[in-house]
Protein backbone atom coordinates (compact mmCIF):
# COMPACT_ATOMS: atom_id res chain seq x y z
CA MET A 1 -23.13 -14.07 -11.49
CA LYS A 2 -25.45 -13.04 -8.71
CA ARG A 3 -26.46 -9.37 -8.86
CA LEU A 4 -27.01 -7.18 -5.85
CA PRO A 5 -29.88 -4.69 -6.09
CA ILE A 6 -28.56 -1.14 -5.97
CA ILE A 7 -30.11 -0.32 -2.58
CA LYS A 8 -28.74 -3.47 -1.01
CA CYS A 9 -25.32 -2.90 -2.59
CA LEU A 10 -25.02 0.56 -1.09
CA LEU A 11 -26.41 -0.48 2.30
CA VAL A 12 -23.94 -3.34 2.49
CA ALA A 13 -21.10 -0.97 1.60
CA VAL A 14 -22.12 1.46 4.31
CA ALA A 15 -22.44 -1.32 6.88
CA TYR A 16 -18.99 -2.63 5.96
CA SER A 17 -17.36 0.78 6.19
CA ILE A 18 -18.73 1.65 9.64
CA ALA A 19 -18.36 -1.80 11.17
CA PRO A 20 -15.49 -0.67 13.43
CA LEU A 21 -17.81 1.94 14.95
CA PHE A 22 -20.53 -0.58 15.71
CA ALA A 23 -17.85 -2.82 17.19
CA GLN A 24 -17.58 -0.29 20.00
CA SER A 25 -21.30 -0.03 20.75
CA ASP A 26 -23.60 -2.01 23.01
CA GLU A 27 -22.06 -5.30 24.18
CA SER A 28 -18.67 -4.67 22.55
CA ALA A 29 -18.31 -1.26 24.17
CA ALA A 30 -19.21 -2.78 27.53
CA THR A 31 -16.56 -5.44 27.02
CA TRP A 32 -13.92 -2.83 26.23
CA LEU A 33 -14.88 -0.85 29.32
CA GLN A 34 -14.58 -3.97 31.46
CA GLU A 35 -11.14 -4.66 30.00
CA LEU A 36 -10.18 -1.06 30.70
CA GLU A 37 -11.21 -1.37 34.33
CA ARG A 38 -9.21 -4.59 34.73
CA SER A 39 -6.16 -2.91 33.20
CA ARG A 40 -6.57 0.11 35.48
CA ALA A 41 -6.79 -2.25 38.46
CA LEU A 42 -3.57 -3.94 37.38
CA LEU A 43 -1.87 -0.55 36.98
CA ASN A 44 -3.05 0.56 40.43
CA SER A 45 -1.81 -2.69 41.94
CA VAL A 46 1.66 -2.22 40.45
CA GLU A 47 1.73 1.45 41.51
CA SER A 48 0.81 0.61 45.11
CA HIS A 49 3.92 -1.55 45.47
CA THR A 50 6.48 0.73 43.88
CA ASN A 51 7.37 4.34 43.10
CA HIS A 52 5.89 6.35 40.23
CA LEU A 53 9.07 6.03 38.12
CA ASP A 54 9.49 2.26 38.34
CA ALA A 55 10.19 0.63 34.95
CA ALA A 56 7.55 -2.02 35.75
CA LEU A 57 4.86 0.63 35.22
CA ALA A 58 5.60 1.18 31.51
CA GLU A 59 3.84 -1.92 30.19
CA PRO A 60 0.57 -1.55 32.16
CA LEU A 61 0.50 2.15 31.25
CA MET A 62 0.80 1.16 27.59
CA GLN A 63 -2.04 -1.35 27.97
CA VAL A 64 -4.38 1.20 29.54
CA GLY A 65 -3.45 3.75 26.87
CA ASP A 66 -4.20 1.25 24.09
CA GLN A 67 -7.68 0.61 25.45
CA LEU A 68 -8.41 4.31 25.93
CA MET A 69 -7.32 4.96 22.35
CA THR A 70 -9.62 2.20 21.10
CA LEU A 71 -12.50 3.83 22.96
CA GLY A 72 -11.69 7.20 21.39
CA ARG A 73 -10.55 8.80 24.65
CA HIS A 74 -7.42 10.25 23.10
CA ASP A 75 -6.50 12.86 25.72
CA GLU A 76 -6.49 10.25 28.47
CA ALA A 77 -4.59 7.82 26.21
CA HIS A 78 -1.96 10.50 25.58
CA GLU A 79 -1.38 10.87 29.33
CA MET A 80 -0.76 7.12 29.63
CA PHE A 81 1.59 6.91 26.63
CA ASP A 82 3.48 10.06 27.61
CA ARG A 83 3.98 8.88 31.16
CA ALA A 84 5.18 5.46 29.99
CA LEU A 85 7.59 7.15 27.57
CA GLN A 86 9.08 9.33 30.29
CA ILE A 87 9.53 6.32 32.60
CA VAL A 88 11.44 4.44 29.89
CA ARG A 89 13.65 7.46 29.19
CA ILE A 90 14.46 7.97 32.88
CA ASN A 91 15.26 4.30 33.48
CA GLU A 92 17.01 3.41 30.23
CA GLY A 93 18.32 6.67 28.82
CA LEU A 94 17.06 9.62 26.84
CA TYR A 95 17.78 8.02 23.47
CA ALA A 96 17.21 4.35 24.30
CA ARG A 97 15.75 2.30 21.47
CA SER A 98 13.27 0.78 23.93
CA GLN A 99 11.33 4.06 23.88
CA LEU A 100 10.37 3.68 20.20
CA PRO A 101 7.16 1.63 20.69
CA TYR A 102 5.92 4.25 23.16
CA GLN A 103 6.83 7.10 20.81
CA GLN A 104 5.02 5.32 17.97
CA LYS A 105 1.93 4.81 20.14
CA LYS A 106 1.87 8.52 20.98
CA ILE A 107 1.93 9.38 17.28
CA ALA A 108 -0.74 6.79 16.44
CA ASN A 109 -2.96 8.29 19.15
CA PHE A 110 -2.51 11.81 17.73
CA MET A 111 -3.42 10.46 14.28
CA ARG A 112 -6.53 8.67 15.48
CA GLY A 113 -7.55 11.78 17.39
CA ASN A 114 -7.02 13.84 14.21
CA ASN A 115 -4.41 15.99 15.92
CA TRP A 116 -2.07 16.15 12.95
CA GLU A 117 -0.12 19.17 14.12
CA LEU A 118 1.24 17.23 17.11
CA ALA A 119 1.55 14.08 15.00
CA ARG A 120 3.82 15.91 12.53
CA ASP A 121 5.96 17.35 15.34
CA ASN A 122 6.44 13.91 16.86
CA LEU A 123 7.11 12.30 13.48
CA GLN A 124 9.86 14.84 12.91
CA HIS A 125 11.35 14.04 16.33
CA LEU A 126 11.14 10.31 15.62
CA PHE A 127 13.02 10.75 12.34
CA TRP A 128 15.73 12.73 14.13
CA LEU A 129 15.94 10.07 16.83
CA LEU A 130 16.35 7.27 14.29
CA ARG A 131 18.81 9.17 12.11
CA LYS A 132 21.03 10.71 14.78
CA LYS A 133 20.72 8.54 17.88
CA SER A 134 20.41 4.95 16.68
CA PRO A 135 23.05 2.92 18.51
CA ALA A 136 23.63 0.46 15.67
CA LEU A 137 22.94 -0.20 12.01
CA ASP A 138 20.89 -3.38 12.10
CA GLU A 139 17.63 -4.98 11.00
CA LEU A 140 15.75 -3.36 13.86
CA LEU A 141 16.68 0.06 12.52
CA VAL A 142 15.45 -0.93 9.06
CA ASP A 143 12.12 -2.00 10.57
CA ASP A 144 11.84 1.22 12.58
CA VAL A 145 12.49 3.42 9.56
CA MET A 146 10.03 1.45 7.45
CA GLN A 147 7.44 1.98 10.20
CA LEU A 148 8.15 5.72 10.07
CA SER A 149 7.49 5.67 6.32
CA THR A 150 4.18 3.89 6.95
CA MET A 151 3.13 6.60 9.40
CA HIS A 152 3.82 9.31 6.83
CA LEU A 153 1.83 7.41 4.20
CA ARG A 154 -1.09 7.45 6.58
CA GLY A 155 -0.60 11.22 6.76
CA VAL A 156 -0.90 11.44 2.97
CA ALA A 157 -4.45 10.09 3.22
CA GLU A 158 -5.63 11.52 6.54
CA ASP A 159 -3.83 14.82 7.10
CA THR A 160 -5.02 17.93 5.22
CA LYS A 161 -4.16 18.12 1.53
CA ASP A 162 -1.77 20.99 2.23
CA TYR A 163 0.54 18.44 3.83
CA GLN A 164 0.28 15.66 1.23
CA TYR A 165 3.55 16.67 -0.39
CA TYR A 166 5.28 16.89 3.00
CA HIS A 167 4.23 13.35 3.95
CA LEU A 168 5.06 11.94 0.50
CA GLN A 169 8.57 13.34 0.64
CA ARG A 170 9.14 12.25 4.23
CA ALA A 171 7.92 8.74 3.47
CA GLY A 172 10.31 8.56 0.51
CA THR A 173 13.21 9.83 2.61
CA ALA A 174 12.55 7.15 5.22
CA LEU A 175 12.47 4.43 2.54
CA ARG A 176 15.76 5.64 1.11
CA MET A 177 17.27 5.59 4.60
CA ALA A 178 16.08 2.01 5.03
CA GLU A 179 17.80 1.07 1.77
CA ILE A 180 21.07 2.72 2.85
CA VAL A 181 21.03 0.85 6.17
CA GLY A 182 20.13 -2.37 4.38
CA ASP A 183 23.07 -1.97 2.02
CA ARG A 184 25.37 -1.71 5.04
CA ILE A 185 24.13 -4.82 6.84
CA TRP A 186 23.15 -7.22 4.03
CA ALA A 187 25.17 -8.75 1.21
CA ASP A 188 24.33 -7.95 -2.41
CA ASN A 189 22.67 -11.36 -2.82
CA ASP A 190 20.63 -11.24 0.40
CA PRO A 191 16.87 -11.13 -0.39
CA SER A 192 16.23 -9.34 2.92
CA ILE A 193 16.63 -6.06 1.00
CA VAL A 194 13.87 -6.93 -1.51
CA PRO A 195 10.85 -5.67 0.55
CA VAL A 196 12.69 -2.38 1.13
CA LEU A 197 13.42 -1.96 -2.57
CA TYR A 198 9.88 -2.89 -3.61
CA SER A 199 8.40 -0.41 -1.12
CA GLN A 200 10.34 2.27 -2.97
CA VAL A 201 9.00 0.99 -6.30
CA LYS A 202 5.45 1.39 -5.01
CA HIS A 203 6.33 4.84 -3.68
CA PHE A 204 7.45 5.95 -7.14
CA HIS A 205 4.15 4.64 -8.51
CA LEU A 206 2.34 6.65 -5.84
CA LYS A 207 4.18 9.82 -6.89
CA ALA A 208 3.56 9.11 -10.57
CA SER A 209 -0.16 8.73 -9.84
CA ALA A 210 -0.09 12.08 -8.04
CA VAL A 211 1.60 13.75 -11.01
CA GLN A 212 -1.04 12.28 -13.32
CA SER A 213 -3.79 13.81 -11.17
CA GLY A 214 -2.79 17.40 -11.93
CA SER A 215 -3.48 18.47 -8.33
CA GLN A 216 -1.53 20.84 -6.09
CA VAL A 217 0.75 18.01 -4.95
CA ALA A 218 1.41 17.16 -8.61
CA TYR A 219 2.87 20.63 -9.20
CA GLN A 220 4.97 20.38 -6.02
CA LEU A 221 6.37 17.01 -7.08
CA ARG A 222 7.24 18.32 -10.54
CA THR A 223 9.38 21.05 -8.97
CA GLN A 224 11.47 18.48 -7.08
CA ILE A 225 12.71 16.18 -9.85
CA PRO A 226 16.51 16.17 -9.31
CA THR A 227 18.31 17.64 -12.34
CA TRP A 228 20.68 20.47 -13.11
CA SER A 229 17.73 22.79 -13.71
CA ASP A 230 15.53 24.59 -11.16
CA TRP A 231 12.63 24.70 -13.61
CA THR A 232 9.31 23.00 -12.97
CA HIS A 233 9.32 19.86 -15.09
CA GLU A 234 6.61 18.91 -17.54
CA LYS A 235 4.43 15.99 -16.53
CA GLN A 236 6.04 13.60 -19.01
CA SER A 237 9.51 14.47 -17.77
CA ALA A 238 8.49 13.72 -14.17
CA LEU A 239 6.84 10.45 -15.19
CA ARG A 240 9.97 9.41 -17.07
CA PHE A 241 12.03 10.03 -13.92
CA TYR A 242 9.70 7.87 -11.82
CA TYR A 243 9.67 5.15 -14.47
CA LEU A 244 13.46 4.98 -14.68
CA SER A 245 13.81 5.07 -10.88
CA GLY A 246 11.36 2.21 -10.40
CA ARG A 247 12.90 0.16 -13.21
CA ARG A 248 16.35 0.55 -11.64
CA LEU A 249 15.04 -0.82 -8.35
CA LEU A 250 13.30 -3.76 -10.03
CA GLN A 251 16.45 -4.58 -11.97
CA ARG A 252 18.34 -4.53 -8.69
CA ILE A 253 15.80 -6.97 -7.22
CA ARG A 254 16.44 -9.27 -10.19
CA SER A 255 20.18 -8.92 -9.60
CA VAL A 256 19.79 -10.03 -5.96
CA TYR A 257 18.38 -13.37 -7.10
CA GLU A 258 20.86 -13.68 -9.97
CA GLN A 259 23.75 -13.37 -7.50
CA ALA A 260 22.31 -15.91 -5.07
CA GLU A 261 24.30 -19.12 -4.57
CA PRO A 262 22.85 -20.99 -6.31
CA ALA A 263 20.87 -18.57 -8.48
CA ASN A 264 17.11 -18.60 -7.97
CA PRO A 265 15.57 -19.00 -11.45
CA GLU A 266 11.95 -18.72 -10.29
CA ALA A 267 12.60 -15.49 -8.39
CA ILE A 268 14.57 -14.11 -11.37
CA ALA A 269 11.57 -14.83 -13.60
CA MET A 270 9.21 -13.14 -11.14
CA ALA A 271 11.45 -10.05 -11.09
CA GLU A 272 11.31 -10.00 -14.88
CA LEU A 273 7.53 -10.22 -14.69
CA TYR A 274 7.40 -7.24 -12.33
CA ILE A 275 9.60 -5.27 -14.74
CA ALA A 276 7.05 -6.00 -17.47
CA ASP A 277 4.23 -4.84 -15.19
CA TRP A 278 6.14 -1.62 -14.51
CA GLN A 279 6.51 -1.03 -18.23
CA VAL A 280 2.76 -1.53 -18.70
CA LEU A 281 2.10 1.04 -15.97
CA PHE A 282 4.06 3.64 -17.94
CA GLY A 283 2.86 2.68 -21.42
CA ARG A 284 6.13 1.08 -22.59
CA THR A 285 4.32 -1.35 -24.88
CA THR A 286 7.15 -2.89 -26.88
CA GLU A 287 9.45 -3.22 -23.88
CA ALA A 288 6.67 -4.78 -21.81
CA LEU A 289 5.93 -7.38 -24.47
CA GLN A 290 9.57 -8.41 -24.61
CA SER A 291 9.78 -8.58 -20.81
CA TYR A 292 6.61 -10.68 -20.55
CA ARG A 293 7.96 -13.15 -23.09
CA SER A 294 11.29 -13.26 -21.24
CA ALA A 295 9.54 -13.84 -17.89
CA TYR A 296 7.43 -16.62 -19.39
CA GLU A 297 10.47 -18.34 -20.86
CA LYS A 298 12.36 -18.05 -17.57
CA LEU A 299 9.44 -19.56 -15.65
CA GLN A 300 9.35 -22.45 -18.10
CA GLY A 301 13.05 -22.97 -17.43
CA ALA A 302 12.58 -22.91 -13.66
CA ASP A 303 11.29 -26.50 -13.51
CA LEU A 304 7.79 -25.47 -12.39
CA ASP A 305 4.51 -27.30 -12.88
CA PRO A 306 3.30 -26.27 -16.37
CA VAL A 307 -0.32 -26.39 -15.19
CA MET A 308 0.45 -23.94 -12.37
CA VAL A 309 2.21 -21.58 -14.80
CA SER A 310 -0.76 -21.77 -17.17
CA ASN A 311 -3.24 -21.12 -14.35
CA PHE A 312 -1.21 -18.16 -13.14
CA PHE A 313 -1.38 -16.44 -16.52
CA SER A 314 -4.93 -17.55 -17.37
CA GLN A 315 -6.53 -14.33 -16.10
CA PRO A 316 -5.53 -10.66 -15.91
CA THR A 317 -4.21 -9.09 -12.72
CA LEU A 318 -4.17 -5.54 -11.39
CA VAL A 319 -0.73 -3.95 -11.23
CA PRO A 320 1.35 -3.00 -9.44
CA GLU A 321 1.17 -5.96 -7.06
CA PRO A 322 0.94 -4.93 -3.39
CA HIS A 323 4.00 -7.05 -2.51
CA PHE A 324 6.88 -8.68 -4.31
CA TYR A 325 6.21 -12.41 -4.52
CA ASP A 326 9.29 -14.43 -5.47
CA THR A 327 7.33 -17.63 -6.15
CA LEU A 328 4.25 -18.41 -8.23
CA THR A 329 2.70 -20.18 -5.27
CA GLU A 330 2.84 -17.04 -3.12
CA ALA A 331 1.44 -14.91 -5.94
CA LEU A 332 -1.46 -17.31 -6.54
CA ASP A 333 -2.28 -17.51 -2.83
CA ALA A 334 -2.26 -13.72 -2.55
CA ARG A 335 -4.60 -13.42 -5.54
CA ALA A 336 -7.10 -15.74 -3.86
CA ASP A 337 -7.00 -13.64 -0.68
CA ARG A 338 -7.71 -10.36 -2.44
CA LEU A 339 -11.49 -10.64 -2.79
CA PRO A 340 -13.85 -8.50 -0.65
CA VAL A 341 -13.86 -9.61 2.96
CA ASN A 342 -17.57 -8.77 3.27
CA SER A 343 -19.47 -11.97 2.50
CA GLU A 344 -22.51 -10.29 0.89
CA LEU A 345 -20.34 -8.30 -1.47
CA ALA A 346 -18.34 -11.41 -2.30
CA LEU A 347 -21.59 -13.00 -3.53
CA ALA A 348 -21.62 -10.46 -6.37
CA ALA A 349 -18.22 -11.69 -7.51
CA THR A 350 -16.74 -14.91 -8.81
CA SER A 351 -13.38 -16.50 -8.04
CA GLU A 352 -11.98 -14.70 -11.10
CA THR A 353 -13.30 -11.27 -10.17
CA MET A 354 -10.54 -8.78 -9.48
CA TYR A 355 -10.95 -6.53 -6.47
CA PHE A 356 -9.64 -2.98 -6.13
CA ASN A 357 -9.88 -0.93 -2.95
CA GLU A 358 -9.36 2.77 -3.70
CA TRP A 359 -7.08 4.48 -1.18
CA THR A 360 -8.26 8.12 -1.35
CA SER A 361 -9.88 10.34 -3.96
CA SER A 362 -6.50 12.04 -4.43
CA PHE A 363 -5.01 8.75 -5.67
CA PRO A 364 -7.81 6.88 -7.47
CA SER A 365 -5.49 4.39 -9.18
CA VAL A 366 -3.61 3.35 -6.03
CA ARG A 367 -4.37 0.52 -3.64
CA PRO A 368 -4.01 1.42 0.05
CA PRO A 369 -0.23 1.16 0.61
CA ILE A 370 -0.86 0.67 4.34
CA THR A 371 -3.46 -0.82 6.65
CA SER A 372 -4.91 1.96 8.77
CA ASN A 373 -6.09 1.29 12.31
CA SER A 374 -8.27 4.38 12.31
CA SER A 375 -11.81 3.77 13.54
CA ARG A 376 -13.07 6.77 11.59
CA GLN A 377 -14.15 4.85 8.51
CA PRO A 378 -16.17 7.10 6.17
CA GLU A 379 -19.06 5.91 4.07
CA SER A 380 -18.00 4.18 0.87
CA ALA A 381 -19.66 2.38 -2.03
CA PHE A 382 -18.85 -0.24 -4.64
CA ALA A 383 -19.10 -0.54 -8.39
CA LEU A 384 -18.99 -3.84 -10.27
CA PHE A 385 -17.55 -3.59 -13.80
CA SER A 386 -17.56 -5.96 -16.74
CA PHE A 387 -15.10 -5.25 -19.57
CA SER A 388 -12.56 -6.63 -22.00
CA LEU A 389 -8.79 -6.20 -22.09
CA ALA A 390 -7.19 -5.86 -25.50
CA GLY A 391 -4.49 -8.32 -26.51
CA VAL A 392 -1.78 -8.25 -29.15
CA THR A 393 -3.31 -8.57 -32.60
CA ASP A 394 -0.14 -8.22 -34.68
CA LEU A 395 2.94 -9.40 -32.81
CA ALA A 396 5.41 -8.55 -35.56
CA ARG A 397 4.17 -4.98 -35.92
CA LEU A 398 4.31 -4.41 -32.18
CA LEU A 399 7.84 -5.81 -31.85
CA ASN A 400 8.95 -3.60 -34.74
CA GLY A 401 7.51 -0.56 -33.05
CA LYS A 402 4.85 -0.05 -35.74
CA GLU A 403 1.85 -0.70 -33.53
CA GLU A 404 0.78 2.37 -31.59
CA ASP A 405 -2.06 0.97 -29.48
CA GLU A 406 -1.18 -0.45 -26.08
CA PHE A 407 -2.33 -3.92 -25.15
CA ALA A 408 -4.26 -4.59 -21.92
CA PHE A 409 -6.29 -1.41 -22.24
CA VAL A 410 -9.96 -1.48 -21.26
CA THR A 411 -12.62 -1.90 -23.96
CA ASP A 412 -16.39 -2.55 -23.97
CA ALA A 413 -16.72 -1.54 -20.32
CA ARG A 414 -20.12 -1.53 -18.64
CA ILE A 415 -21.28 -0.99 -15.08
CA VAL A 416 -23.04 -4.06 -13.72
CA GLU A 417 -23.78 -2.52 -10.30
CA PRO A 418 -25.00 -0.01 -9.25
CA GLU A 419 -27.62 1.18 -11.70
CA VAL A 420 -26.29 4.57 -12.79
CA LYS A 421 -28.76 7.45 -12.80
CA SER A 422 -26.95 9.92 -15.06
CA LYS A 423 -24.33 10.22 -17.76
CA ASP A 424 -22.10 12.13 -15.36
CA GLU A 425 -22.19 9.30 -12.83
CA GLU A 426 -21.45 6.77 -15.57
CA LYS A 427 -18.52 8.84 -16.86
CA PHE A 428 -17.15 9.26 -13.33
CA LEU A 429 -17.17 5.50 -12.64
CA LEU A 430 -15.78 4.51 -16.05
CA THR A 431 -12.98 7.05 -15.69
CA ARG A 432 -12.07 5.39 -12.39
CA LEU A 433 -11.87 2.01 -14.12
CA GLU A 434 -9.79 3.36 -17.01
CA SER A 435 -7.23 4.81 -14.58
CA LEU A 436 -6.21 1.27 -13.58
CA ARG A 437 -3.55 -0.87 -15.27
CA PHE A 438 -3.50 -4.63 -15.72
CA ARG A 439 -1.14 -7.48 -16.37
CA PRO A 440 -2.85 -9.14 -19.34
CA ARG A 441 -3.76 -12.77 -19.75
CA LEU A 442 -0.72 -14.42 -21.33
CA GLN A 443 -0.43 -17.37 -23.65
CA ASP A 444 3.12 -18.47 -24.41
CA GLY A 445 4.17 -15.09 -23.04
CA VAL A 446 1.99 -13.10 -25.48
CA PRO A 447 -0.87 -10.89 -24.21
CA GLN A 448 -4.31 -12.18 -25.21
CA GLU A 449 -7.69 -10.48 -25.37
CA SER A 450 -9.76 -11.45 -22.34
CA ALA A 451 -13.02 -10.75 -20.57
CA ALA A 452 -12.78 -9.45 -17.01
CA THR A 453 -14.84 -8.36 -14.04
CA LEU A 454 -13.74 -6.00 -11.31
CA MET A 455 -15.22 -5.02 -7.96
CA TYR A 456 -14.15 -1.42 -7.32
CA GLN A 457 -14.49 0.03 -3.82
CA LEU A 458 -14.64 3.81 -3.89
CA ALA A 459 -12.81 5.70 -1.18
CA GLY A 460 -15.01 7.22 1.49
CA ASP A 461 -13.84 10.75 0.67
CA VAL A 462 -14.96 10.54 -2.97
CA PRO A 463 -17.68 13.17 -3.58
CA ARG A 464 -20.86 11.67 -5.01
């Protein structure tokens, strides 16, 4: 494995994190300005041949607004988006669905300009619009509500911490609304509902991670576990609720493929595998072992290439997966695409190196649940770990509930890069590693001890 010197490692990380800013300097900035002038010329041309409320103006206004937003000229971009929105409303109706892209652009512009007060107001209006004024229950509504959830997740990371709970709850409400609409328009065996259900699974993991953190949002979440009592729940009680909620959704995903005509044995096995991963995330050792063995047996019975199955389980994997993959091929392809995109950092890894991109310091064990378009990328750094994952040493004892230690926990961890300068720094980085959970290497469905390497990208807001 090629090692990066500590100075080079940090410089590369900084260069990678601020690349979007350099993309707007010098020649690139000049190019954007030229594009903006061409778009303004097009807008002026359309305006000169019509009145100021003509529907034909909406699209060129949107184009100019997009380019202004990219250049960081958010006040001017707002004027373009707001004008386009009003034109659509006047021509097509106050509650026309066609206004949604313009409303979403307005909110995105507020977010990128760090005007979260107006972003929250407009998010609230968008939710009301979708909930009360949608003309039909259809797939477009599901997509719109899912997009609303994504916007609130961005707020979790970028708005002030005082509003983390607000955005978490709103994102969850939107996901639940998407599920309700999906239940109305899709049959019980239609896999179209699966991405909606799995987004909720990841949201429960996000909330569980917040509860584990012990922060202000953790206390707020513990007061909102739905039971007969108004008391603030203990951490373990809240985690149990999130575990059971996520497991119910994963079991429903499995049921979708079981009810398909004909049944989809590979997708059923993958759902079983995800259930096992979920059990690992919450320390359900015995249940996870049984689920892994069941998933392995189901994959063997799905008439798949034995070599592909063996390769799939030949190395550990970070869980939860970012998406639900209903085939081994999709899961293997996604694993190959998950390495650092920066070529110099990739040189420090091998094809078997796992890669974890920390979302924010508030959620150190969570991958980014969304892709942010924000150009305000803070400085970040990387750590390269080498470690072992424990396997099952006594299968009979574990199945009988007599083995207390979990499998797939981290042992013999060391920091390959960077060179740590203090015990505190070493403890900080190792704690980050130990907060992660892994699907172990499996042989005949049984977790095995394995060596592993992981490239860990620290969030830019992590204090160092």
